[in-house]
Amino acid sequence: EGLDLGIEGSPQVQIPDGATHFNPGVTIRWERGIPLI
């Protein structure tokens, strides 16, 4: 079902109107194997 909905990854939060939010509030990037917030 997640694949059918186009879930991007973990976590993805779906509110009652169907809208989804990927990793709410947090932005991460990877640099040289290290996750940076």
PDB file of all heavy atoms in Angstrom:
ATOM      1  N   GLU A   1       0.834  -1.198   0.000  1.00  0.00           N
ATOM      2  CA  GLU A   1       0.000   0.000   0.000  1.00  0.00           C
ATOM      3  C   GLU A   1       0.874   1.256   0.000  1.00  0.00           C
ATOM      4  O   GLU A   1       0.570   2.244  -0.682  1.00  0.00           O
ATOM      5  CB  GLU A   1      -0.930   0.016   1.209  1.00  0.00           C
ATOM      6  CG  GLU A   1      -1.899   1.188   1.206  1.00  0.00           C
ATOM      7  CD  GLU A   1      -2.825   1.206   2.406  1.00  0.00           C
ATOM      8  OE1 GLU A   1      -2.753   0.272   3.246  1.00  0.00           O
ATOM      9  OE2 GLU A   1      -3.615   2.158   2.506  1.00  0.00           O
ATOM     10  N   GLY A   2       1.952   1.212   0.768  1.00  0.00           N
ATOM     11  CA  GLY A   2       2.878   2.345   0.788  1.00  0.00           C
ATOM     12  C   GLY A   2       3.479   2.612  -0.578  1.00  0.00           C
ATOM     13  O   GLY A   2       3.611   3.769  -1.002  1.00  0.00           O
ATOM     14  N   LEU A   3       3.852   1.561  -1.276  1.00  0.00           N
ATOM     15  CA  LEU A   3       4.384   1.727  -2.626  1.00  0.00           C
ATOM     16  C   LEU A   3       3.338   2.344  -3.547  1.00  0.00           C
ATOM     17  O   LEU A   3       3.645   3.239  -4.341  1.00  0.00           O
ATOM     18  CB  LEU A   3       4.844   0.379  -3.177  1.00  0.00           C
ATOM     19  CG  LEU A   3       6.052  -0.281  -2.505  1.00  0.00           C
ATOM     20  CD1 LEU A   3       6.326  -1.636  -3.149  1.00  0.00           C
ATOM     21  CD2 LEU A   3       7.285   0.608  -2.587  1.00  0.00           C
ATOM     22  N   ASP A   4       2.094   1.871  -3.436  1.00  0.00           N
ATOM     23  CA  ASP A   4       1.019   2.400  -4.277  1.00  0.00           C
ATOM     24  C   ASP A   4       0.769   3.882  -3.998  1.00  0.00           C
ATOM     25  O   ASP A   4       0.433   4.648  -4.906  1.00  0.00           O
ATOM     26  CB  ASP A   4      -0.270   1.612  -4.061  1.00  0.00           C
ATOM     27  CG  ASP A   4      -0.201   0.190  -4.607  1.00  0.00           C
ATOM     28  OD1 ASP A   4       0.690  -0.078  -5.447  1.00  0.00           O
ATOM     29  OD2 ASP A   4      -1.018  -0.651  -4.187  1.00  0.00           O
ATOM     30  N   LEU A   5       0.940   4.284  -2.741  1.00  0.00           N
ATOM     31  CA  LEU A   5       0.717   5.677  -2.360  1.00  0.00           C
ATOM     32  C   LEU A   5       1.897   6.580  -2.716  1.00  0.00           C
ATOM     33  O   LEU A   5       1.783   7.800  -2.615  1.00  0.00           O
ATOM     34  CB  LEU A   5       0.443   5.773  -0.850  1.00  0.00           C
ATOM     35  CG  LEU A   5      -0.907   5.245  -0.364  1.00  0.00           C
ATOM     36  CD1 LEU A   5      -0.937   5.241   1.156  1.00  0.00           C
ATOM     37  CD2 LEU A   5      -2.037   6.103  -0.906  1.00  0.00           C
ATOM     38  N   GLY A   6       3.012   5.968  -3.089  1.00  0.00           N
ATOM     39  CA  GLY A   6       4.189   6.770  -3.397  1.00  0.00           C
ATOM     40  C   GLY A   6       4.934   7.247  -2.166  1.00  0.00           C
ATOM     41  O   GLY A   6       5.555   8.329  -2.195  1.00  0.00           O
ATOM     42  N   ILE A   7       4.889   6.457  -1.104  1.00  0.00           N
ATOM     43  CA  ILE A   7       5.608   6.817   0.115  1.00  0.00           C
ATOM     44  C   ILE A   7       7.093   6.969  -0.210  1.00  0.00           C
ATOM     45  O   ILE A   7       7.710   6.101  -0.835  1.00  0.00           O
ATOM     46  CB  ILE A   7       5.394   5.752   1.214  1.00  0.00           C
ATOM     47  CG1 ILE A   7       3.924   5.707   1.633  1.00  0.00           C
ATOM     48  CG2 ILE A   7       6.288   6.014   2.414  1.00  0.00           C
ATOM     49  CD1 ILE A   7       3.372   7.001   2.199  1.00  0.00           C
ATOM     50  N   GLU A   8       7.683   8.091   0.221  1.00  0.00           N
ATOM     51  CA  GLU A   8       9.071   8.400  -0.109  1.00  0.00           C
ATOM     52  C   GLU A   8      10.067   7.625   0.747  1.00  0.00           C
ATOM     53  O   GLU A   8      11.165   7.292   0.292  1.00  0.00           O
ATOM     54  CB  GLU A   8       9.334   9.902   0.082  1.00  0.00           C
ATOM     55  CG  GLU A   8       8.520  10.808  -0.810  1.00  0.00           C
ATOM     56  CD  GLU A   8       8.771  12.262  -0.486  1.00  0.00           C
ATOM     57  OE1 GLU A   8       9.963  12.663  -0.410  1.00  0.00           O
ATOM     58  OE2 GLU A   8       7.802  13.010  -0.291  1.00  0.00           O
ATOM     59  N   GLY A   9       9.706   7.400   1.992  1.00  0.00           N
ATOM     60  CA  GLY A   9      10.639   6.733   2.897  1.00  0.00           C
ATOM     61  C   GLY A   9      10.108   6.781   4.314  1.00  0.00           C
ATOM     62  O   GLY A   9       8.903   6.866   4.538  1.00  0.00           O
ATOM     63  N   SER A  10      11.008   6.754   5.254  1.00  0.00           N
ATOM     64  CA  SER A  10      10.635   6.664   6.667  1.00  0.00           C
ATOM     65  C   SER A  10      11.219   7.836   7.450  1.00  0.00           C
ATOM     66  O   SER A  10      12.417   8.112   7.325  1.00  0.00           O
ATOM     67  CB  SER A  10      11.163   5.346   7.236  1.00  0.00           C
ATOM     68  OG  SER A  10      10.966   5.254   8.619  1.00  0.00           O
ATOM     69  N   PRO A  11      10.350   8.523   8.236  1.00  0.00           N
ATOM     70  CA  PRO A  11       8.908   8.329   8.374  1.00  0.00           C
ATOM     71  C   PRO A  11       8.141   9.216   7.390  1.00  0.00           C
ATOM     72  O   PRO A  11       8.639  10.250   6.945  1.00  0.00           O
ATOM     73  CB  PRO A  11       8.653   8.806   9.803  1.00  0.00           C
ATOM     74  CG  PRO A  11       9.630   9.947   9.966  1.00  0.00           C
ATOM     75  CD  PRO A  11      10.863   9.515   9.202  1.00  0.00           C
ATOM     76  N   GLN A  12       6.945   8.818   7.074  1.00  0.00           N
ATOM     77  CA  GLN A  12       6.045   9.654   6.292  1.00  0.00           C
ATOM     78  C   GLN A  12       4.682   9.622   6.978  1.00  0.00           C
ATOM     79  O   GLN A  12       4.092   8.563   7.156  1.00  0.00           O
ATOM     80  CB  GLN A  12       5.941   9.191   4.847  1.00  0.00           C
ATOM     81  CG  GLN A  12       5.256  10.201   3.942  1.00  0.00           C
ATOM     82  CD  GLN A  12       5.780  10.165   2.520  1.00  0.00           C
ATOM     83  OE1 GLN A  12       6.863   9.660   2.270  1.00  0.00           O
ATOM     84  NE2 GLN A  12       5.020  10.703   1.594  1.00  0.00           N
ATOM     85  N   VAL A  13       4.221  10.791   7.370  1.00  0.00           N
ATOM     86  CA  VAL A  13       3.008  10.924   8.166  1.00  0.00           C
ATOM     87  C   VAL A  13       1.856  11.353   7.263  1.00  0.00           C
ATOM     88  O   VAL A  13       1.965  12.331   6.522  1.00  0.00           O
ATOM     89  CB  VAL A  13       3.205  11.949   9.301  1.00  0.00           C
ATOM     90  CG1 VAL A  13       1.917  12.122  10.103  1.00  0.00           C
ATOM     91  CG2 VAL A  13       4.351  11.519  10.215  1.00  0.00           C
ATOM     92  N   GLN A  14       0.763  10.609   7.333  1.00  0.00           N
ATOM     93  CA  GLN A  14      -0.417  10.902   6.530  1.00  0.00           C
ATOM     94  C   GLN A  14      -1.539  11.391   7.442  1.00  0.00           C
ATOM     95  O   GLN A  14      -1.974  10.684   8.347  1.00  0.00           O
ATOM     96  CB  GLN A  14      -0.869   9.659   5.768  1.00  0.00           C
ATOM     97  CG  GLN A  14      -2.034   9.893   4.816  1.00  0.00           C
ATOM     98  CD  GLN A  14      -2.452   8.621   4.104  1.00  0.00           C
ATOM     99  OE1 GLN A  14      -2.512   7.559   4.712  1.00  0.00           O
ATOM    100  NE2 GLN A  14      -2.731   8.723   2.819  1.00  0.00           N
ATOM    101  N   ILE A  15      -1.984  12.632   7.219  1.00  0.00           N
ATOM    102  CA  ILE A  15      -3.067  13.192   8.011  1.00  0.00           C
ATOM    103  C   ILE A  15      -4.402  12.769   7.415  1.00  0.00           C
ATOM    104  O   ILE A  15      -4.453  12.241   6.303  1.00  0.00           O
ATOM    105  CB  ILE A  15      -2.939  14.726   8.125  1.00  0.00           C
ATOM    106  CG1 ILE A  15      -2.968  15.388   6.742  1.00  0.00           C
ATOM    107  CG2 ILE A  15      -1.653  15.090   8.873  1.00  0.00           C
ATOM    108  CD1 ILE A  15      -2.900  16.908   6.804  1.00  0.00           C
ATOM    109  N   PRO A  16      -5.505  12.971   8.142  1.00  0.00           N
ATOM    110  CA  PRO A  16      -6.793  12.425   7.695  1.00  0.00           C
ATOM    111  C   PRO A  16      -7.260  12.861   6.312  1.00  0.00           C
ATOM    112  O   PRO A  16      -8.033  12.136   5.677  1.00  0.00           O
ATOM    113  CB  PRO A  16      -7.767  12.904   8.784  1.00  0.00           C
ATOM    114  CG  PRO A  16      -6.928  12.980  10.009  1.00  0.00           C
ATOM    115  CD  PRO A  16      -5.605  13.486   9.524  1.00  0.00           C
ATOM    116  N   ASP A  17      -6.818  14.027   5.817  1.00  0.00           N
ATOM    117  CA  ASP A  17      -7.278  14.451   4.488  1.00  0.00           C
ATOM    118  C   ASP A  17      -6.485  13.791   3.365  1.00  0.00           C
ATOM    119  O   ASP A  17      -6.729  14.051   2.189  1.00  0.00           O
ATOM    120  CB  ASP A  17      -7.241  15.971   4.350  1.00  0.00           C
ATOM    121  CG  ASP A  17      -5.825  16.546   4.305  1.00  0.00           C
ATOM    122  OD1 ASP A  17      -4.856  15.772   4.491  1.00  0.00           O
ATOM    123  OD2 ASP A  17      -5.684  17.768   4.087  1.00  0.00           O
ATOM    124  N   GLY A  18      -5.525  12.929   3.729  1.00  0.00           N
ATOM    125  CA  GLY A  18      -4.739  12.203   2.740  1.00  0.00           C
ATOM    126  C   GLY A  18      -3.389  12.805   2.438  1.00  0.00           C
ATOM    127  O   GLY A  18      -2.539  12.146   1.831  1.00  0.00           O
ATOM    128  N   ALA A  19      -3.155  14.051   2.837  1.00  0.00           N
ATOM    129  CA  ALA A  19      -1.858  14.685   2.607  1.00  0.00           C
ATOM    130  C   ALA A  19      -0.785  14.000   3.455  1.00  0.00           C
ATOM    131  O   ALA A  19      -1.052  13.554   4.575  1.00  0.00           O
ATOM    132  CB  ALA A  19      -1.924  16.166   2.955  1.00  0.00           C
ATOM    133  N   THR A  20       0.426  13.897   2.908  1.00  0.00           N
ATOM    134  CA  THR A  20       1.507  13.244   3.637  1.00  0.00           C
ATOM    135  C   THR A  20       2.676  14.203   3.833  1.00  0.00           C
ATOM    136  O   THR A  20       2.881  15.132   3.050  1.00  0.00           O
ATOM    137  CB  THR A  20       2.001  11.982   2.909  1.00  0.00           C
ATOM    138  OG1 THR A  20       2.602  12.353   1.663  1.00  0.00           O
ATOM    139  CG2 THR A  20       0.871  10.994   2.679  1.00  0.00           C
ATOM    140  N   HIS A  21       3.436  13.935   4.894  1.00  0.00           N
ATOM    141  CA  HIS A  21       4.581  14.772   5.248  1.00  0.00           C
ATOM    142  C   HIS A  21       5.768  13.855   5.538  1.00  0.00           C
ATOM    143  O   HIS A  21       5.710  13.033   6.454  1.00  0.00           O
ATOM    144  CB  HIS A  21       4.263  15.628   6.467  1.00  0.00           C
ATOM    145  CG  HIS A  21       3.060  16.505   6.281  1.00  0.00           C
ATOM    146  ND1 HIS A  21       3.151  17.819   5.913  1.00  0.00           N
ATOM    147  CD2 HIS A  21       1.723  16.230   6.389  1.00  0.00           C
ATOM    148  CE1 HIS A  21       1.938  18.336   5.809  1.00  0.00           C
ATOM    149  NE2 HIS A  21       1.050  17.388   6.092  1.00  0.00           N
ATOM    150  N   PHE A  22       6.829  14.001   4.743  1.00  0.00           N
ATOM    151  CA  PHE A  22       8.005  13.149   4.912  1.00  0.00           C
ATOM    152  C   PHE A  22       8.930  13.741   5.969  1.00  0.00           C
ATOM    153  O   PHE A  22       9.296  14.918   5.911  1.00  0.00           O
ATOM    154  CB  PHE A  22       8.745  12.999   3.587  1.00  0.00           C
ATOM    155  CG  PHE A  22      10.046  12.235   3.704  1.00  0.00           C
ATOM    156  CD1 PHE A  22      10.039  10.883   4.012  1.00  0.00           C
ATOM    157  CD2 PHE A  22      11.262  12.871   3.539  1.00  0.00           C
ATOM    158  CE1 PHE A  22      11.224  10.175   4.139  1.00  0.00           C
ATOM    159  CE2 PHE A  22      12.446  12.178   3.656  1.00  0.00           C
ATOM    160  CZ  PHE A  22      12.432  10.818   3.956  1.00  0.00           C
ATOM    161  N   ASN A  23       9.295  12.917   6.957  1.00  0.00           N
ATOM    162  CA  ASN A  23      10.202  13.302   8.043  1.00  0.00           C
ATOM    163  C   ASN A  23       9.877  14.709   8.546  1.00  0.00           C
ATOM    164  O   ASN A  23      10.700  15.636   8.437  1.00  0.00           O
ATOM    165  CB  ASN A  23      11.654  13.228   7.585  1.00  0.00           C
ATOM    166  CG  ASN A  23      12.609  13.024   8.750  1.00  0.00           C
ATOM    167  OD1 ASN A  23      12.201  12.819   9.892  1.00  0.00           O
ATOM    168  ND2 ASN A  23      13.906  13.096   8.467  1.00  0.00           N
ATOM    169  N   PRO A  24       8.697  14.893   9.136  1.00  0.00           N
ATOM    170  CA  PRO A  24       8.221  16.231   9.470  1.00  0.00           C
ATOM    171  C   PRO A  24       9.200  17.051  10.314  1.00  0.00           C
ATOM    172  O   PRO A  24       9.685  16.596  11.362  1.00  0.00           O
ATOM    173  CB  PRO A  24       6.943  15.945  10.267  1.00  0.00           C
ATOM    174  CG  PRO A  24       6.493  14.619   9.789  1.00  0.00           C
ATOM    175  CD  PRO A  24       7.743  13.850   9.534  1.00  0.00           C
ATOM    176  N   GLY A  25       9.469  18.250   9.833  1.00  0.00           N
ATOM    177  CA  GLY A  25      10.271  19.207  10.585  1.00  0.00           C
ATOM    178  C   GLY A  25      11.766  19.007  10.536  1.00  0.00           C
ATOM    179  O   GLY A  25      12.521  19.868  10.990  1.00  0.00           O
ATOM    180  N   VAL A  26      12.224  17.885  10.000  1.00  0.00           N
ATOM    181  CA  VAL A  26      13.656  17.577  10.028  1.00  0.00           C
ATOM    182  C   VAL A  26      14.209  17.494   8.609  1.00  0.00           C
ATOM    183  O   VAL A  26      13.628  16.832   7.748  1.00  0.00           O
ATOM    184  CB  VAL A  26      13.934  16.246  10.761  1.00  0.00           C
ATOM    185  CG1 VAL A  26      15.433  15.924  10.755  1.00  0.00           C
ATOM    186  CG2 VAL A  26      13.413  16.313  12.196  1.00  0.00           C
ATOM    187  N   THR A  27      15.302  18.181   8.377  1.00  0.00           N
ATOM    188  CA  THR A  27      15.995  18.127   7.094  1.00  0.00           C
ATOM    189  C   THR A  27      17.405  17.606   7.332  1.00  0.00           C
ATOM    190  O   THR A  27      18.117  18.108   8.202  1.00  0.00           O
ATOM    191  CB  THR A  27      16.069  19.521   6.422  1.00  0.00           C
ATOM    192  OG1 THR A  27      14.749  20.042   6.298  1.00  0.00           O
ATOM    193  CG2 THR A  27      16.713  19.422   5.051  1.00  0.00           C
ATOM    194  N   ILE A  28      17.778  16.592   6.555  1.00  0.00           N
ATOM    195  CA  ILE A  28      19.088  15.934   6.720  1.00  0.00           C
ATOM    196  C   ILE A  28      19.793  15.876   5.378  1.00  0.00           C
ATOM    197  O   ILE A  28      19.161  15.701   4.336  1.00  0.00           O
ATOM    198  CB  ILE A  28      18.910  14.490   7.245  1.00  0.00           C
ATOM    199  CG1 ILE A  28      18.042  14.466   8.496  1.00  0.00           C
ATOM    200  CG2 ILE A  28      20.256  13.824   7.510  1.00  0.00           C
ATOM    201  CD1 ILE A  28      17.338  13.155   8.698  1.00  0.00           C
ATOM    202  N   ARG A  29      21.084  16.014   5.394  1.00  0.00           N
ATOM    203  CA  ARG A  29      21.886  15.749   4.202  1.00  0.00           C
ATOM    204  C   ARG A  29      23.073  14.879   4.602  1.00  0.00           C
ATOM    205  O   ARG A  29      23.538  14.910   5.747  1.00  0.00           O
ATOM    206  CB  ARG A  29      22.362  17.047   3.545  1.00  0.00           C
ATOM    207  CG  ARG A  29      23.348  17.862   4.357  1.00  0.00           C
ATOM    208  CD  ARG A  29      23.727  19.141   3.628  1.00  0.00           C
ATOM    209  NE  ARG A  29      24.522  20.029   4.465  1.00  0.00           N
ATOM    210  CZ  ARG A  29      25.853  19.962   4.562  1.00  0.00           C
ATOM    211  NH1 ARG A  29      26.517  19.059   3.873  1.00  0.00           N
ATOM    212  NH2 ARG A  29      26.500  20.792   5.356  1.00  0.00           N
ATOM    213  N   TRP A  30      23.514  14.091   3.648  1.00  0.00           N
ATOM    214  CA  TRP A  30      24.654  13.204   3.883  1.00  0.00           C
ATOM    215  C   TRP A  30      25.906  13.805   3.247  1.00  0.00           C
ATOM    216  O   TRP A  30      25.867  14.283   2.116  1.00  0.00           O
ATOM    217  CB  TRP A  30      24.382  11.824   3.296  1.00  0.00           C
ATOM    218  CG  TRP A  30      23.420  11.023   4.113  1.00  0.00           C
ATOM    219  CD1 TRP A  30      22.064  11.070   4.081  1.00  0.00           C
ATOM    220  CD2 TRP A  30      23.764  10.051   5.115  1.00  0.00           C
ATOM    221  NE1 TRP A  30      21.523  10.192   4.992  1.00  0.00           N
ATOM    222  CE2 TRP A  30      22.541   9.552   5.631  1.00  0.00           C
ATOM    223  CE3 TRP A  30      24.969   9.556   5.618  1.00  0.00           C
ATOM    224  CZ2 TRP A  30      22.504   8.579   6.631  1.00  0.00           C
ATOM    225  CZ3 TRP A  30      24.921   8.580   6.597  1.00  0.00           C
ATOM    226  CH2 TRP A  30      23.710   8.102   7.104  1.00  0.00           C
ATOM    227  N   GLU A  31      26.991  13.770   4.002  1.00  0.00           N
ATOM    228  CA  GLU A  31      28.264  14.288   3.503  1.00  0.00           C
ATOM    229  C   GLU A  31      29.389  13.367   3.960  1.00  0.00           C
ATOM    230  O   GLU A  31      29.605  13.183   5.154  1.00  0.00           O
ATOM    231  CB  GLU A  31      28.499  15.714   4.026  1.00  0.00           C
ATOM    232  CG  GLU A  31      29.708  16.401   3.423  1.00  0.00           C
ATOM    233  CD  GLU A  31      29.788  17.862   3.825  1.00  0.00           C
ATOM    234  OE1 GLU A  31      28.797  18.592   3.619  1.00  0.00           O
ATOM    235  OE2 GLU A  31      30.860  18.261   4.341  1.00  0.00           O
ATOM    236  N   ARG A  32      30.053  12.753   3.006  1.00  0.00           N
ATOM    237  CA  ARG A  32      31.160  11.825   3.284  1.00  0.00           C
ATOM    238  C   ARG A  32      30.741  10.739   4.288  1.00  0.00           C
ATOM    239  O   ARG A  32      31.485  10.399   5.208  1.00  0.00           O
ATOM    240  CB  ARG A  32      32.389  12.582   3.794  1.00  0.00           C
ATOM    241  CG  ARG A  32      32.960  13.582   2.798  1.00  0.00           C
ATOM    242  CD  ARG A  32      34.246  14.225   3.300  1.00  0.00           C
ATOM    243  NE  ARG A  32      34.020  14.934   4.558  1.00  0.00           N
ATOM    244  CZ  ARG A  32      33.513  16.152   4.657  1.00  0.00           C
ATOM    245  NH1 ARG A  32      33.156  16.813   3.562  1.00  0.00           N
ATOM    246  NH2 ARG A  32      33.363  16.717   5.836  1.00  0.00           N
ATOM    247  N   GLY A  33      29.538  10.205   4.086  1.00  0.00           N
ATOM    248  CA  GLY A  33      29.060   9.124   4.921  1.00  0.00           C
ATOM    249  C   GLY A  33      28.541   9.543   6.280  1.00  0.00           C
ATOM    250  O   GLY A  33      28.267   8.682   7.130  1.00  0.00           O
ATOM    251  N   ILE A  34      28.374  10.850   6.499  1.00  0.00           N
ATOM    252  CA  ILE A  34      27.916  11.356   7.790  1.00  0.00           C
ATOM    253  C   ILE A  34      26.601  12.103   7.598  1.00  0.00           C
ATOM    254  O   ILE A  34      26.513  12.992   6.750  1.00  0.00           O
ATOM    255  CB  ILE A  34      28.960  12.309   8.409  1.00  0.00           C
ATOM    256  CG1 ILE A  34      30.279  11.577   8.635  1.00  0.00           C
ATOM    257  CG2 ILE A  34      28.446  12.887   9.730  1.00  0.00           C
ATOM    258  CD1 ILE A  34      31.403  12.487   9.076  1.00  0.00           C
ATOM    259  N   PRO A  35      25.559  11.757   8.375  1.00  0.00           N
ATOM    260  CA  PRO A  35      24.302  12.505   8.287  1.00  0.00           C
ATOM    261  C   PRO A  35      24.405  13.818   9.052  1.00  0.00           C
ATOM    262  O   PRO A  35      24.779  13.837  10.227  1.00  0.00           O
ATOM    263  CB  PRO A  35      23.282  11.563   8.928  1.00  0.00           C
ATOM    264  CG  PRO A  35      24.094  10.744   9.887  1.00  0.00           C
ATOM    265  CD  PRO A  35      25.475  10.624   9.309  1.00  0.00           C
ATOM    266  N   LEU A  36      24.094  14.907   8.385  1.00  0.00           N
ATOM    267  CA  LEU A  36      24.147  16.227   9.007  1.00  0.00           C
ATOM    268  C   LEU A  36      22.738  16.811   9.063  1.00  0.00           C
ATOM    269  O   LEU A  36      22.017  16.818   8.060  1.00  0.00           O
ATOM    270  CB  LEU A  36      25.066  17.151   8.201  1.00  0.00           C
ATOM    271  CG  LEU A  36      26.511  16.669   8.026  1.00  0.00           C
ATOM    272  CD1 LEU A  36      27.281  17.629   7.119  1.00  0.00           C
ATOM    273  CD2 LEU A  36      27.208  16.537   9.376  1.00  0.00           C
ATOM    274  N   ILE A  37      22.351  17.291  10.222  1.00  0.00           N
ATOM    275  CA  ILE A  37      21.025  17.865  10.403  1.00  0.00           C
ATOM    276  C   ILE A  37      21.066  19.334  10.007  1.00  0.00           C
ATOM    277  O   ILE A  37      21.782  20.138  10.609  1.00  0.00           O
ATOM    278  CB  ILE A  37      20.556  17.719  11.861  1.00  0.00           C
ATOM    279  CG1 ILE A  37      20.470  16.233  12.230  1.00  0.00           C
ATOM    280  CG2 ILE A  37      19.206  18.400  12.068  1.00  0.00           C
ATOM    281  CD1 ILE A  37      20.244  15.976  13.696  1.00  0.00           C
TER     282      ILE A  37
END
